[in-house]
Structure formats: structure tokens, C-alpha cells
Amino acid sequence: MEMIKKRRKIKRVLLVDDDPNDNFFHEREIKKLSPEYVVVAKLTAREALDYLKTFDNTEEEPDPIFLDINMREMSGWDFLNEYADFDIKIRDRVMIIMLTTSENPVY
């Protein structure tokens, strides 16, 4: 019998996008779904990684993370490369959803 992993209830959402307008739009749409969600927006992948390193309480960790692919300085792919070094227990608890507004079919 296969074990089904139970996801914890969403309380905090992390937006990682270098465009403040996109963060504003996404936060507004998320709040429409559930006004009690805490939405945290970071404008760089580095800020987001530093933010994620501060959590030792699973109840306060963001889940999900909406991650822009194309950002200046550090891309979403670069973020994932560094995030891969996080403890597996942390990575296993958080869902990452990658976003892009690029018209490039490669993304």
C-alpha cells in the first residue's frame, strides 16, 4: 500500500520576482483566494534564499514558493541550484512553482 504524503495547510506564500508589479498582481490574486494567507515578496533570489535560511519552525515556513525564472543577477535556475544544498527535510516540505512572462519557448 502506497503512503500518501499529507500536505500541510498553506499559511504563508513566498513570491520571488524582480518585478514589483508582478509581485503586486500575484499577491492580490492570492489574497482573493484566501485573505488569511501571509504573502511575502522578495525582489531577488538571494534575498529569498537568505529569508528561507531563517526558518527553524515548519509552521512558519512558506509553502508554496512562486519563483520567477528570469531575474537579474541570480535566475530562478540559480536559486534552485543553491536551494538544492538545503536540508532534504526542508526541501521536501516546500513546493516550488516556477513562473515566467517570457515568450521564449525554451522556458
PDB file of N, CA and C in Angstrom:
ATOM      1  N   MET A   1       0.842  -1.174   0.000  1.00  0.00           N
ATOM      2  CA  MET A   1       0.000   0.000   0.000  1.00  0.00           C
ATOM      3  C   MET A   1       0.890   1.241   0.000  1.00  0.00           C
ATOM      4  N   GLU A   2       0.626   2.125  -0.922  1.00  0.00           N
ATOM      5  CA  GLU A   2       1.445   3.329  -1.055  1.00  0.00           C
ATOM      6  C   GLU A   2       1.014   4.386  -0.042  1.00  0.00           C
ATOM      7  N   MET A   3       2.010   4.979   0.592  1.00  0.00           N
ATOM      8  CA  MET A   3       1.735   6.056   1.551  1.00  0.00           C
ATOM      9  C   MET A   3       1.488   7.346   0.779  1.00  0.00           C
ATOM     10  N   ILE A   4       0.469   8.067   1.133  1.00  0.00           N
ATOM     11  CA  ILE A   4       0.173   9.358   0.526  1.00  0.00           C
ATOM     12  C   ILE A   4       0.625  10.437   1.495  1.00  0.00           C
ATOM     13  N   LYS A   5       1.506  11.304   0.996  1.00  0.00           N
ATOM     14  CA  LYS A   5       2.031  12.358   1.843  1.00  0.00           C
ATOM     15  C   LYS A   5       0.968  13.447   2.006  1.00  0.00           C
ATOM     16  N   LYS A   6       0.661  13.768   3.226  1.00  0.00           N
ATOM     17  CA  LYS A   6      -0.323  14.804   3.504  1.00  0.00           C
ATOM     18  C   LYS A   6       0.366  16.161   3.513  1.00  0.00           C
ATOM     19  N   ARG A   7      -0.126  17.079   2.712  1.00  0.00           N
ATOM     20  CA  ARG A   7       0.424  18.434   2.665  1.00  0.00           C
ATOM     21  C   ARG A   7      -0.159  19.230   3.810  1.00  0.00           C
ATOM     22  N   ARG A   8       0.673  20.047   4.388  1.00  0.00           N
ATOM     23  CA  ARG A   8       0.168  20.892   5.466  1.00  0.00           C
ATOM     24  C   ARG A   8      -0.602  22.062   4.874  1.00  0.00           C
ATOM     25  N   LYS A   9      -1.426  22.655   5.666  1.00  0.00           N
ATOM     26  CA  LYS A   9      -2.262  23.754   5.217  1.00  0.00           C
ATOM     27  C   LYS A   9      -1.402  24.965   4.873  1.00  0.00           C
ATOM     28  N   ILE A  10      -1.725  25.611   3.776  1.00  0.00           N
ATOM     29  CA  ILE A  10      -0.990  26.798   3.355  1.00  0.00           C
ATOM     30  C   ILE A  10      -1.292  27.947   4.306  1.00  0.00           C
ATOM     31  N   LYS A  11      -0.229  28.559   4.817  1.00  0.00           N
ATOM     32  CA  LYS A  11      -0.365  29.738   5.670  1.00  0.00           C
ATOM     33  C   LYS A  11       0.423  30.911   5.114  1.00  0.00           C
ATOM     34  N   ARG A  12       1.572  30.603   4.524  1.00  0.00           N
ATOM     35  CA  ARG A  12       2.493  31.641   4.066  1.00  0.00           C
ATOM     36  C   ARG A  12       2.951  31.304   2.649  1.00  0.00           C
ATOM     37  N   VAL A  13       2.916  32.301   1.783  1.00  0.00           N
ATOM     38  CA  VAL A  13       3.323  32.144   0.390  1.00  0.00           C
ATOM     39  C   VAL A  13       4.511  33.075   0.151  1.00  0.00           C
ATOM     40  N   LEU A  14       5.530  32.562  -0.534  1.00  0.00           N
ATOM     41  CA  LEU A  14       6.685  33.381  -0.875  1.00  0.00           C
ATOM     42  C   LEU A  14       6.689  33.647  -2.372  1.00  0.00           C
ATOM     43  N   LEU A  15       6.754  34.925  -2.732  1.00  0.00           N
ATOM     44  CA  LEU A  15       6.881  35.347  -4.124  1.00  0.00           C
ATOM     45  C   LEU A  15       8.323  35.789  -4.341  1.00  0.00           C
ATOM     46  N   VAL A  16       8.951  35.268  -5.376  1.00  0.00           N
ATOM     47  CA  VAL A  16      10.327  35.660  -5.695  1.00  0.00           C
ATOM     48  C   VAL A  16      10.322  36.140  -7.144  1.00  0.00           C
ATOM     49  N   ASP A  17      10.344  37.460  -7.306  1.00  0.00           N
ATOM     50  CA  ASP A  17      10.274  38.061  -8.634  1.00  0.00           C
ATOM     51  C   ASP A  17      10.882  39.445  -8.558  1.00  0.00           C
ATOM     52  N   ASP A  18      11.724  39.779  -9.534  1.00  0.00           N
ATOM     53  CA  ASP A  18      12.375  41.085  -9.520  1.00  0.00           C
ATOM     54  C   ASP A  18      11.492  42.203 -10.073  1.00  0.00           C
ATOM     55  N   ASP A  19      10.277  41.884 -10.434  1.00  0.00           N
ATOM     56  CA  ASP A  19       9.326  42.898 -10.917  1.00  0.00           C
ATOM     57  C   ASP A  19       8.286  43.158  -9.841  1.00  0.00           C
ATOM     58  N   PRO A  20       8.343  44.335  -9.199  1.00  0.00           N
ATOM     59  CA  PRO A  20       7.382  44.630  -8.129  1.00  0.00           C
ATOM     60  C   PRO A  20       5.925  44.604  -8.609  1.00  0.00           C
ATOM     61  N   ASN A  21       5.699  44.937  -9.877  1.00  0.00           N
ATOM     62  CA  ASN A  21       4.332  44.903 -10.402  1.00  0.00           C
ATOM     63  C   ASN A  21       3.796  43.474 -10.455  1.00  0.00           C
ATOM     64  N   ASP A  22       4.644  42.537 -10.862  1.00  0.00           N
ATOM     65  CA  ASP A  22       4.226  41.134 -10.872  1.00  0.00           C
ATOM     66  C   ASP A  22       3.937  40.655  -9.451  1.00  0.00           C
ATOM     67  N   ASN A  23       4.798  41.027  -8.503  1.00  0.00           N
ATOM     68  CA  ASN A  23       4.564  40.643  -7.107  1.00  0.00           C
ATOM     69  C   ASN A  23       3.242  41.215  -6.604  1.00  0.00           C
ATOM     70  N   PHE A  24       2.964  42.459  -6.943  1.00  0.00           N
ATOM     71  CA  PHE A  24       1.703  43.096  -6.524  1.00  0.00           C
ATOM     72  C   PHE A  24       0.508  42.330  -7.085  1.00  0.00           C
ATOM     73  N   PHE A  25       0.553  42.033  -8.383  1.00  0.00           N
ATOM     74  CA  PHE A  25      -0.542  41.313  -9.034  1.00  0.00           C
ATOM     75  C   PHE A  25      -0.723  39.926  -8.413  1.00  0.00           C
ATOM     76  N   HIS A  26       0.378  39.190  -8.250  1.00  0.00           N
ATOM     77  CA  HIS A  26       0.273  37.837  -7.696  1.00  0.00           C
ATOM     78  C   HIS A  26      -0.239  37.862  -6.258  1.00  0.00           C
ATOM     79  N   GLU A  27       0.242  38.814  -5.469  1.00  0.00           N
ATOM     80  CA  GLU A  27      -0.246  38.901  -4.089  1.00  0.00           C
ATOM     81  C   GLU A  27      -1.750  39.184  -4.058  1.00  0.00           C
ATOM     82  N   ARG A  28      -2.189  40.085  -4.908  1.00  0.00           N
ATOM     83  CA  ARG A  28      -3.619  40.409  -4.958  1.00  0.00           C
ATOM     84  C   ARG A  28      -4.456  39.181  -5.315  1.00  0.00           C
ATOM     85  N   GLU A  29      -3.991  38.407  -6.282  1.00  0.00           N
ATOM     86  CA  GLU A  29      -4.733  37.211  -6.684  1.00  0.00           C
ATOM     87  C   GLU A  29      -4.722  36.142  -5.588  1.00  0.00           C
ATOM     88  N   ILE A  30      -3.599  35.986  -4.910  1.00  0.00           N
ATOM     89  CA  ILE A  30      -3.507  35.013  -3.819  1.00  0.00           C
ATOM     90  C   ILE A  30      -4.439  35.405  -2.683  1.00  0.00           C
ATOM     91  N   LYS A  31      -4.479  36.699  -2.361  1.00  0.00           N
ATOM     92  CA  LYS A  31      -5.345  37.178  -1.275  1.00  0.00           C
ATOM     93  C   LYS A  31      -6.825  37.008  -1.629  1.00  0.00           C
ATOM     94  N   LYS A  32      -7.151  37.028  -2.917  1.00  0.00           N
ATOM     95  CA  LYS A  32      -8.529  36.764  -3.330  1.00  0.00           C
ATOM     96  C   LYS A  32      -8.919  35.322  -2.999  1.00  0.00           C
ATOM     97  N   LEU A  33      -7.959  34.406  -3.138  1.00  0.00           N
ATOM     98  CA  LEU A  33      -8.222  33.004  -2.823  1.00  0.00           C
ATOM     99  C   LEU A  33      -8.461  32.808  -1.335  1.00  0.00           C
ATOM    100  N   SER A  34      -7.623  33.478  -0.535  1.00  0.00           N
ATOM    101  CA  SER A  34      -7.719  33.322   0.903  1.00  0.00           C
ATOM    102  C   SER A  34      -7.063  34.526   1.590  1.00  0.00           C
ATOM    103  N   PRO A  35      -7.866  35.430   2.120  1.00  0.00           N
ATOM    104  CA  PRO A  35      -7.318  36.646   2.736  1.00  0.00           C
ATOM    105  C   PRO A  35      -6.396  36.382   3.925  1.00  0.00           C
ATOM    106  N   GLU A  36      -6.505  35.209   4.545  1.00  0.00           N
ATOM    107  CA  GLU A  36      -5.657  34.951   5.721  1.00  0.00           C
ATOM    108  C   GLU A  36      -4.236  34.503   5.361  1.00  0.00           C
ATOM    109  N   TYR A  37      -3.965  34.232   4.090  1.00  0.00           N
ATOM    110  CA  TYR A  37      -2.603  33.871   3.697  1.00  0.00           C
ATOM    111  C   TYR A  37      -1.662  35.036   3.962  1.00  0.00           C
ATOM    112  N   VAL A  38      -0.498  34.722   4.486  1.00  0.00           N
ATOM    113  CA  VAL A  38       0.565  35.713   4.616  1.00  0.00           C
ATOM    114  C   VAL A  38       1.386  35.623   3.339  1.00  0.00           C
ATOM    115  N   VAL A  39       1.509  36.735   2.632  1.00  0.00           N
ATOM    116  CA  VAL A  39       2.267  36.754   1.388  1.00  0.00           C
ATOM    117  C   VAL A  39       3.524  37.592   1.602  1.00  0.00           C
ATOM    118  N   VAL A  40       4.670  36.978   1.348  1.00  0.00           N
ATOM    119  CA  VAL A  40       5.960  37.649   1.479  1.00  0.00           C
ATOM    120  C   VAL A  40       6.558  37.727   0.082  1.00  0.00           C
ATOM    121  N   ALA A  41       6.994  38.923  -0.312  1.00  0.00           N
ATOM    122  CA  ALA A  41       7.593  39.109  -1.635  1.00  0.00           C
ATOM    123  C   ALA A  41       9.057  39.496  -1.491  1.00  0.00           C
ATOM    124  N   LYS A  42       9.904  38.846  -2.261  1.00  0.00           N
ATOM    125  CA  LYS A  42      11.329  39.155  -2.317  1.00  0.00           C
ATOM    126  C   LYS A  42      11.677  39.506  -3.755  1.00  0.00           C
ATOM    127  N   LEU A  43      12.490  40.550  -3.922  1.00  0.00           N
ATOM    128  CA  LEU A  43      12.818  41.047  -5.252  1.00  0.00           C
ATOM    129  C   LEU A  43      14.060  40.400  -5.872  1.00  0.00           C
ATOM    130  N   THR A  44      14.771  39.601  -5.096  1.00  0.00           N
ATOM    131  CA  THR A  44      15.925  38.888  -5.652  1.00  0.00           C
ATOM    132  C   THR A  44      15.940  37.455  -5.115  1.00  0.00           C
ATOM    133  N   ALA A  45      16.564  36.594  -5.880  1.00  0.00           N
ATOM    134  CA  ALA A  45      16.705  35.206  -5.449  1.00  0.00           C
ATOM    135  C   ALA A  45      17.582  35.128  -4.199  1.00  0.00           C
ATOM    136  N   ARG A  46      18.606  35.976  -4.124  1.00  0.00           N
ATOM    137  CA  ARG A  46      19.491  35.987  -2.950  1.00  0.00           C
ATOM    138  C   ARG A  46      18.703  36.353  -1.695  1.00  0.00           C
ATOM    139  N   GLU A  47      17.852  37.377  -1.765  1.00  0.00           N
ATOM    140  CA  GLU A  47      17.018  37.754  -0.616  1.00  0.00           C
ATOM    141  C   GLU A  47      16.131  36.588  -0.196  1.00  0.00           C
ATOM    142  N   ALA A  48      15.577  35.898  -1.169  1.00  0.00           N
ATOM    143  CA  ALA A  48      14.682  34.770  -0.869  1.00  0.00           C
ATOM    144  C   ALA A  48      15.443  33.637  -0.185  1.00  0.00           C
ATOM    145  N   LEU A  49      16.639  33.316  -0.679  1.00  0.00           N
ATOM    146  CA  LEU A  49      17.440  32.254  -0.062  1.00  0.00           C
ATOM    147  C   LEU A  49      17.815  32.629   1.373  1.00  0.00           C
ATOM    148  N   ASP A  50      18.221  33.884   1.569  1.00  0.00           N
ATOM    149  CA  ASP A  50      18.562  34.343   2.927  1.00  0.00           C
ATOM    150  C   ASP A  50      17.344  34.266   3.841  1.00  0.00           C
ATOM    151  N   TYR A  51      16.193  34.635   3.316  1.00  0.00           N
ATOM    152  CA  TYR A  51      14.941  34.576   4.075  1.00  0.00           C
ATOM    153  C   TYR A  51      14.621  33.133   4.475  1.00  0.00           C
ATOM    154  N   LEU A  52      14.777  32.210   3.541  1.00  0.00           N
ATOM    155  CA  LEU A  52      14.465  30.810   3.810  1.00  0.00           C
ATOM    156  C   LEU A  52      15.404  30.191   4.836  1.00  0.00           C
ATOM    157  N   LYS A  53      16.617  30.685   4.914  1.00  0.00           N
ATOM    158  CA  LYS A  53      17.591  30.155   5.871  1.00  0.00           C
ATOM    159  C   LYS A  53      17.240  30.517   7.317  1.00  0.00           C
ATOM    160  N   THR A  54      16.309  31.446   7.516  1.00  0.00           N
ATOM    161  CA  THR A  54      15.972  31.890   8.872  1.00  0.00           C
ATOM    162  C   THR A  54      14.957  30.994   9.559  1.00  0.00           C
ATOM    163  N   PHE A  55      14.359  30.042   8.845  1.00  0.00           N
ATOM    164  CA  PHE A  55      13.267  29.261   9.408  1.00  0.00           C
ATOM    165  C   PHE A  55      13.742  28.000  10.095  1.00  0.00           C
ATOM    166  N   ASP A  56      13.285  27.842  11.335  1.00  0.00           N
ATOM    167  CA  ASP A  56      13.509  26.579  12.029  1.00  0.00           C
ATOM    168  C   ASP A  56      12.177  26.007  12.515  1.00  0.00           C
ATOM    169  N   ASN A  57      11.101  26.721  12.206  1.00  0.00           N
ATOM    170  CA  ASN A  57       9.761  26.314  12.621  1.00  0.00           C
ATOM    171  C   ASN A  57       8.944  26.013  11.369  1.00  0.00           C
ATOM    172  N   THR A  58       8.548  24.769  11.182  1.00  0.00           N
ATOM    173  CA  THR A  58       7.833  24.394   9.965  1.00  0.00           C
ATOM    174  C   THR A  58       6.493  25.086   9.829  1.00  0.00           C
ATOM    175  N   GLU A  59       5.921  25.534  10.931  1.00  0.00           N
ATOM    176  CA  GLU A  59       4.627  26.214  10.860  1.00  0.00           C
ATOM    177  C   GLU A  59       4.744  27.588  10.196  1.00  0.00           C
ATOM    178  N   GLU A  60       5.929  28.158  10.206  1.00  0.00           N
ATOM    179  CA  GLU A  60       6.115  29.494   9.648  1.00  0.00           C
ATOM    180  C   GLU A  60       6.773  29.497   8.271  1.00  0.00           C
ATOM    181  N   GLU A  61       7.260  28.348   7.828  1.00  0.00           N
ATOM    182  CA  GLU A  61       7.900  28.281   6.513  1.00  0.00           C
ATOM    183  C   GLU A  61       6.895  28.606   5.419  1.00  0.00           C
ATOM    184  N   PRO A  62       7.353  29.258   4.371  1.00  0.00           N
ATOM    185  CA  PRO A  62       6.448  29.477   3.241  1.00  0.00           C
ATOM    186  C   PRO A  62       6.231  28.180   2.466  1.00  0.00           C
ATOM    187  N   ASP A  63       5.039  28.012   1.988  1.00  0.00           N
ATOM    188  CA  ASP A  63       4.703  26.877   1.138  1.00  0.00           C
ATOM    189  C   ASP A  63       3.383  27.209   0.458  1.00  0.00           C
ATOM    190  N   PRO A  64       3.378  27.509  -0.784  1.00  0.00           N
ATOM    191  CA  PRO A  64       4.395  27.309  -1.800  1.00  0.00           C
ATOM    192  C   PRO A  64       5.294  28.535  -1.990  1.00  0.00           C
ATOM    193  N   ILE A  65       6.296  28.346  -2.876  1.00  0.00           N
ATOM    194  CA  ILE A  65       7.144  29.432  -3.335  1.00  0.00           C
ATOM    195  C   ILE A  65       6.861  29.600  -4.820  1.00  0.00           C
ATOM    196  N   PHE A  66       6.502  30.818  -5.220  1.00  0.00           N
ATOM    197  CA  PHE A  66       6.346  31.144  -6.635  1.00  0.00           C
ATOM    198  C   PHE A  66       7.635  31.827  -7.072  1.00  0.00           C
ATOM    199  N   LEU A  67       8.372  31.202  -7.983  1.00  0.00           N
ATOM    200  CA  LEU A  67       9.723  31.612  -8.341  1.00  0.00           C
ATOM    201  C   LEU A  67       9.786  32.010  -9.804  1.00  0.00           C
ATOM    202  N   ASP A  68      10.192  33.254 -10.052  1.00  0.00           N
ATOM    203  CA  ASP A  68      10.383  33.725 -11.420  1.00  0.00           C
ATOM    204  C   ASP A  68      11.647  33.081 -11.995  1.00  0.00           C
ATOM    205  N   ILE A  69      11.606  32.694 -13.252  1.00  0.00           N
ATOM    206  CA  ILE A  69      12.766  32.083 -13.887  1.00  0.00           C
ATOM    207  C   ILE A  69      13.795  33.133 -14.278  1.00  0.00           C
ATOM    208  N   ASN A  70      13.339  34.198 -14.917  1.00  0.00           N
ATOM    209  CA  ASN A  70      14.248  35.216 -15.461  1.00  0.00           C
ATOM    210  C   ASN A  70      14.354  36.411 -14.533  1.00  0.00           C
ATOM    211  N   MET A  71      15.426  36.436 -13.744  1.00  0.00           N
ATOM    212  CA  MET A  71      15.690  37.578 -12.869  1.00  0.00           C
ATOM    213  C   MET A  71      17.124  38.023 -13.094  1.00  0.00           C
ATOM    214  N   ARG A  72      17.368  39.302 -12.840  1.00  0.00           N
ATOM    215  CA  ARG A  72      18.722  39.833 -12.945  1.00  0.00           C
ATOM    216  C   ARG A  72      19.579  39.251 -11.820  1.00  0.00           C
ATOM    217  N   GLU A  73      20.845  39.252 -11.998  1.00  0.00           N
ATOM    218  CA  GLU A  73      21.845  38.805 -11.025  1.00  0.00           C
ATOM    219  C   GLU A  73      21.793  37.300 -10.757  1.00  0.00           C
ATOM    220  N   MET A  74      20.651  36.800 -10.317  1.00  0.00           N
ATOM    221  CA  MET A  74      20.525  35.380  -9.982  1.00  0.00           C
ATOM    222  C   MET A  74      19.177  34.896 -10.502  1.00  0.00           C
ATOM    223  N   SER A  75      19.200  33.955 -11.426  1.00  0.00           N
ATOM    224  CA  SER A  75      17.958  33.467 -12.038  1.00  0.00           C
ATOM    225  C   SER A  75      17.248  32.475 -11.116  1.00  0.00           C
ATOM    226  N   GLY A  76      16.063  32.100 -11.517  1.00  0.00           N
ATOM    227  CA  GLY A  76      15.338  31.064 -10.790  1.00  0.00           C
ATOM    228  C   GLY A  76      16.093  29.743 -10.804  1.00  0.00           C
ATOM    229  N   TRP A  77      16.771  29.449 -11.917  1.00  0.00           N
ATOM    230  CA  TRP A  77      17.570  28.224 -12.011  1.00  0.00           C
ATOM    231  C   TRP A  77      18.743  28.278 -11.024  1.00  0.00           C
ATOM    232  N   ASP A  78      19.378  29.458 -10.896  1.00  0.00           N
ATOM    233  CA  ASP A  78      20.470  29.621  -9.924  1.00  0.00           C
ATOM    234  C   ASP A  78      19.946  29.436  -8.501  1.00  0.00           C
ATOM    235  N   PHE A  79      18.756  29.976  -8.248  1.00  0.00           N
ATOM    236  CA  PHE A  79      18.116  29.802  -6.948  1.00  0.00           C
ATOM    237  C   PHE A  79      17.977  28.317  -6.632  1.00  0.00           C
ATOM    238  N   LEU A  80      17.461  27.553  -7.604  1.00  0.00           N
ATOM    239  CA  LEU A  80      17.252  26.118  -7.392  1.00  0.00           C
ATOM    240  C   LEU A  80      18.565  25.383  -7.131  1.00  0.00           C
ATOM    241  N   ASN A  81      19.628  25.797  -7.801  1.00  0.00           N
ATOM    242  CA  ASN A  81      20.937  25.169  -7.574  1.00  0.00           C
ATOM    243  C   ASN A  81      21.391  25.366  -6.130  1.00  0.00           C
ATOM    244  N   GLU A  82      21.213  26.566  -5.592  1.00  0.00           N
ATOM    245  CA  GLU A  82      21.591  26.804  -4.196  1.00  0.00           C
ATOM    246  C   GLU A  82      20.596  26.162  -3.231  1.00  0.00           C
ATOM    247  N   TYR A  83      19.342  26.187  -3.591  1.00  0.00           N
ATOM    248  CA  TYR A  83      18.299  25.580  -2.753  1.00  0.00           C
ATOM    249  C   TYR A  83      18.526  24.075  -2.603  1.00  0.00           C
ATOM    250  N   ALA A  84      19.129  23.471  -3.607  1.00  0.00           N
ATOM    251  CA  ALA A  84      19.429  22.030  -3.564  1.00  0.00           C
ATOM    252  C   ALA A  84      20.372  21.678  -2.422  1.00  0.00           C
ATOM    253  N   ASP A  85      21.110  22.666  -1.914  1.00  0.00           N
ATOM    254  CA  ASP A  85      22.020  22.432  -0.787  1.00  0.00           C
ATOM    255  C   ASP A  85      21.309  22.502   0.564  1.00  0.00           C
ATOM    256  N   PHE A  86      20.050  22.930   0.582  1.00  0.00           N
ATOM    257  CA  PHE A  86      19.289  22.965   1.828  1.00  0.00           C
ATOM    258  C   PHE A  86      19.034  21.538   2.302  1.00  0.00           C
ATOM    259  N   ASP A  87      18.789  21.397   3.566  1.00  0.00           N
ATOM    260  CA  ASP A  87      18.479  20.100   4.154  1.00  0.00           C
ATOM    261  C   ASP A  87      17.275  19.474   3.436  1.00  0.00           C
ATOM    262  N   ILE A  88      17.353  18.198   3.164  1.00  0.00           N
ATOM    263  CA  ILE A  88      16.280  17.492   2.449  1.00  0.00           C
ATOM    264  C   ILE A  88      14.950  17.594   3.185  1.00  0.00           C
ATOM    265  N   LYS A  89      14.974  17.671   4.505  1.00  0.00           N
ATOM    266  CA  LYS A  89      13.729  17.787   5.269  1.00  0.00           C
ATOM    267  C   LYS A  89      13.014  19.090   4.957  1.00  0.00           C
ATOM    268  N   ILE A  90      13.784  20.137   4.725  1.00  0.00           N
ATOM    269  CA  ILE A  90      13.192  21.430   4.366  1.00  0.00           C
ATOM    270  C   ILE A  90      12.688  21.380   2.939  1.00  0.00           C
ATOM    271  N   ARG A  91      13.526  20.912   2.026  1.00  0.00           N
ATOM    272  CA  ARG A  91      13.141  20.870   0.615  1.00  0.00           C
ATOM    273  C   ARG A  91      11.919  19.993   0.387  1.00  0.00           C
ATOM    274  N   ASP A  92      11.782  18.945   1.162  1.00  0.00           N
ATOM    275  CA  ASP A  92      10.679  18.016   0.998  1.00  0.00           C
ATOM    276  C   ASP A  92       9.337  18.624   1.417  1.00  0.00           C
ATOM    277  N   ARG A  93       9.388  19.647   2.241  1.00  0.00           N
ATOM    278  CA  ARG A  93       8.148  20.245   2.761  1.00  0.00           C
ATOM    279  C   ARG A  93       7.622  21.385   1.898  1.00  0.00           C
ATOM    280  N   VAL A  94       8.450  21.942   1.036  1.00  0.00           N
ATOM    281  CA  VAL A  94       8.074  23.162   0.321  1.00  0.00           C
ATOM    282  C   VAL A  94       7.909  22.885  -1.174  1.00  0.00           C
ATOM    283  N   MET A  95       6.790  23.336  -1.724  1.00  0.00           N
ATOM    284  CA  MET A  95       6.534  23.200  -3.151  1.00  0.00           C
ATOM    285  C   MET A  95       6.999  24.477  -3.852  1.00  0.00           C
ATOM    286  N   ILE A  96       7.770  24.328  -4.926  1.00  0.00           N
ATOM    287  CA  ILE A  96       8.224  25.472  -5.707  1.00  0.00           C
ATOM    288  C   ILE A  96       7.535  25.436  -7.055  1.00  0.00           C
ATOM    289  N   ILE A  97       6.932  26.568  -7.404  1.00  0.00           N
ATOM    290  CA  ILE A  97       6.234  26.718  -8.676  1.00  0.00           C
ATOM    291  C   ILE A  97       6.969  27.794  -9.459  1.00  0.00           C
ATOM    292  N   MET A  98       7.484  27.435 -10.626  1.00  0.00           N
ATOM    293  CA  MET A  98       8.255  28.390 -11.414  1.00  0.00           C
ATOM    294  C   MET A  98       7.347  29.135 -12.384  1.00  0.00           C
ATOM    295  N   LEU A  99       7.620  30.440 -12.493  1.00  0.00           N
ATOM    296  CA  LEU A  99       6.812  31.321 -13.337  1.00  0.00           C
ATOM    297  C   LEU A  99       7.701  32.071 -14.321  1.00  0.00           C
ATOM    298  N   THR A 100       7.121  32.460 -15.434  1.00  0.00           N
ATOM    299  CA  THR A 100       7.824  33.358 -16.359  1.00  0.00           C
ATOM    300  C   THR A 100       6.812  34.108 -17.198  1.00  0.00           C
ATOM    301  N   THR A 101       7.202  35.302 -17.595  1.00  0.00           N
ATOM    302  CA  THR A 101       6.397  36.068 -18.536  1.00  0.00           C
ATOM    303  C   THR A 101       7.090  36.090 -19.889  1.00  0.00           C
ATOM    304  N   SER A 102       8.140  35.314 -20.030  1.00  0.00           N
ATOM    305  CA  SER A 102       8.911  35.250 -21.262  1.00  0.00           C
ATOM    306  C   SER A 102       8.087  34.609 -22.380  1.00  0.00           C
ATOM    307  N   GLU A 103       8.300  35.095 -23.571  1.00  0.00           N
ATOM    308  CA  GLU A 103       7.672  34.477 -24.733  1.00  0.00           C
ATOM    309  C   GLU A 103       8.625  33.474 -25.393  1.00  0.00           C
ATOM    310  N   ASN A 104       9.777  33.264 -24.786  1.00  0.00           N
ATOM    311  CA  ASN A 104      10.760  32.331 -25.296  1.00  0.00           C
ATOM    312  C   ASN A 104      10.243  30.902 -25.066  1.00  0.00           C
ATOM    313  N   PRO A 105      10.074  30.119 -26.122  1.00  0.00           N
ATOM    314  CA  PRO A 105       9.517  28.758 -25.948  1.00  0.00           C
ATOM    315  C   PRO A 105      10.420  27.822 -25.162  1.00  0.00           C
ATOM    316  N   VAL A 106      11.691  28.180 -24.953  1.00  0.00           N
ATOM    317  CA  VAL A 106      12.604  27.337 -24.184  1.00  0.00           C
ATOM    318  C   VAL A 106      12.152  27.298 -22.724  1.00  0.00           C
ATOM    319  N   TYR A 107      11.553  28.370 -22.229  1.00  0.00           N
ATOM    320  CA  TYR A 107      11.083  28.427 -20.843  1.00  0.00           C
ATOM    321  C   TYR A 107       9.664  27.969 -20.784  1.00  0.00           C
TER     322      TYR A 107
END
